Amino acid sequence: MPVIQNVRCPNCGSLAERHHLESNQLIRTQCSNCDYLMITCSKTGRVIEAYAPGIYARR
């Protein structure tokens, strides 16, 4: 059963949800306000998938 936390979105600061998916060893943070998404491995901390509109990668 996933554990769900209410957290602040690192992209826009509004309320977001963090889902701890123990069976898959994943943590998914998502914000419905700005469409932010970050999926990380709970064991290693590595980023599996990320989408953050308004944040640009450095070249």
C-alpha atoms as a PDB file:
ATOM      1  CA  MET A   1       0.000   0.000   0.000  1.00  0.00           C
ATOM      2  CA  PRO A   2       1.507   3.355  -1.005  1.00  0.00           C
ATOM      3  CA  VAL A   3       2.147   6.047   1.603  1.00  0.00           C
ATOM      4  CA  ILE A   4       1.070   9.523   0.460  1.00  0.00           C
ATOM      5  CA  GLN A   5       2.493  12.751   1.916  1.00  0.00           C
ATOM      6  CA  ASN A   6       1.465  16.331   1.249  1.00  0.00           C
ATOM      7  CA  VAL A   7       4.580  18.401   0.466  1.00  0.00           C
ATOM      8  CA  ARG A   8       5.409  21.702  -1.186  1.00  0.00           C
ATOM      9  CA  CYS A   9       6.192  21.541  -4.885  1.00  0.00           C
ATOM     10  CA  PRO A  10       9.862  22.349  -5.534  1.00  0.00           C
ATOM     11  CA  ASN A  11       8.853  23.963  -8.847  1.00  0.00           C
ATOM     12  CA  CYS A  12       5.983  26.308  -7.908  1.00  0.00           C
ATOM     13  CA  GLY A  13       5.585  26.039  -4.122  1.00  0.00           C
ATOM     14  CA  SER A  14       1.955  24.916  -4.111  1.00  0.00           C
ATOM     15  CA  LEU A  15       0.771  21.734  -2.408  1.00  0.00           C
ATOM     16  CA  ALA A  16       1.943  18.549  -4.118  1.00  0.00           C
ATOM     17  CA  GLU A  17       1.799  14.833  -3.318  1.00  0.00           C
ATOM     18  CA  ARG A  18       4.667  12.466  -2.632  1.00  0.00           C
ATOM     19  CA  HIS A  19       3.840   8.790  -3.121  1.00  0.00           C
ATOM     20  CA  HIS A  20       6.136   6.194  -1.536  1.00  0.00           C
ATOM     21  CA  LEU A  21       5.650   3.034  -3.602  1.00  0.00           C
ATOM     22  CA  GLU A  22       7.377   0.439  -1.424  1.00  0.00           C
ATOM     23  CA  SER A  23       6.676  -2.539  -3.696  1.00  0.00           C
ATOM     24  CA  ASN A  24       8.563  -0.912  -6.603  1.00  0.00           C
ATOM     25  CA  GLN A  25      11.084   0.992  -4.414  1.00  0.00           C
ATOM     26  CA  LEU A  26       9.987   4.277  -6.018  1.00  0.00           C
ATOM     27  CA  ILE A  27       9.102   7.739  -4.760  1.00  0.00           C
ATOM     28  CA  ARG A  28       6.858   9.817  -7.031  1.00  0.00           C
ATOM     29  CA  THR A  29       6.398  13.531  -6.361  1.00  0.00           C
ATOM     30  CA  GLN A  30       3.736  15.237  -8.447  1.00  0.00           C
ATOM     31  CA  CYS A  31       2.047  18.624  -8.550  1.00  0.00           C
ATOM     32  CA  SER A  32      -1.282  19.073 -10.301  1.00  0.00           C
ATOM     33  CA  ASN A  33      -0.901  22.867 -10.272  1.00  0.00           C
ATOM     34  CA  CYS A  34       2.224  23.149 -12.472  1.00  0.00           C
ATOM     35  CA  ASP A  35       2.463  19.577 -13.858  1.00  0.00           C
ATOM     36  CA  TYR A  36       5.760  18.832 -12.012  1.00  0.00           C
ATOM     37  CA  LEU A  37       6.780  15.150 -11.834  1.00  0.00           C
ATOM     38  CA  MET A  38       9.834  13.498 -10.281  1.00  0.00           C
ATOM     39  CA  ILE A  39      10.219   9.742  -9.870  1.00  0.00           C
ATOM     40  CA  THR A  40      13.239   8.528  -7.921  1.00  0.00           C
ATOM     41  CA  CYS A  41      14.514   5.198  -6.659  1.00  0.00           C
ATOM     42  CA  SER A  42      14.005   5.063  -2.888  1.00  0.00           C
ATOM     43  CA  LYS A  43      17.012   2.777  -2.490  1.00  0.00           C
ATOM     44  CA  THR A  44      19.650   4.686  -4.496  1.00  0.00           C
ATOM     45  CA  GLY A  45      18.100   8.169  -4.852  1.00  0.00           C
ATOM     46  CA  ARG A  46      18.648   8.117  -8.617  1.00  0.00           C
ATOM     47  CA  VAL A  47      16.172   9.952 -10.827  1.00  0.00           C
ATOM     48  CA  ILE A  48      14.102   7.597 -12.975  1.00  0.00           C
ATOM     49  CA  GLU A  49      11.910  10.202 -14.675  1.00  0.00           C
ATOM     50  CA  ALA A  50      11.515  13.952 -14.325  1.00  0.00           C
ATOM     51  CA  TYR A  51       9.370  16.662 -15.864  1.00  0.00           C
ATOM     52  CA  ALA A  52       9.327  20.218 -14.615  1.00  0.00           C
ATOM     53  CA  PRO A  53       7.931  22.923 -16.899  1.00  0.00           C
ATOM     54  CA  GLY A  54       9.722  26.203 -16.381  1.00  0.00           C
ATOM     55  CA  ILE A  55      12.973  24.625 -15.174  1.00  0.00           C
ATOM     56  CA  TYR A  56      15.549  24.399 -17.923  1.00  0.00           C
ATOM     57  CA  ALA A  57      18.586  22.123 -17.982  1.00  0.00           C
ATOM     58  CA  ARG A  58      21.982  23.767 -18.187  1.00  0.00           C
ATOM     59  CA  ARG A  59      23.864  23.294 -21.421  1.00  0.00           C
END
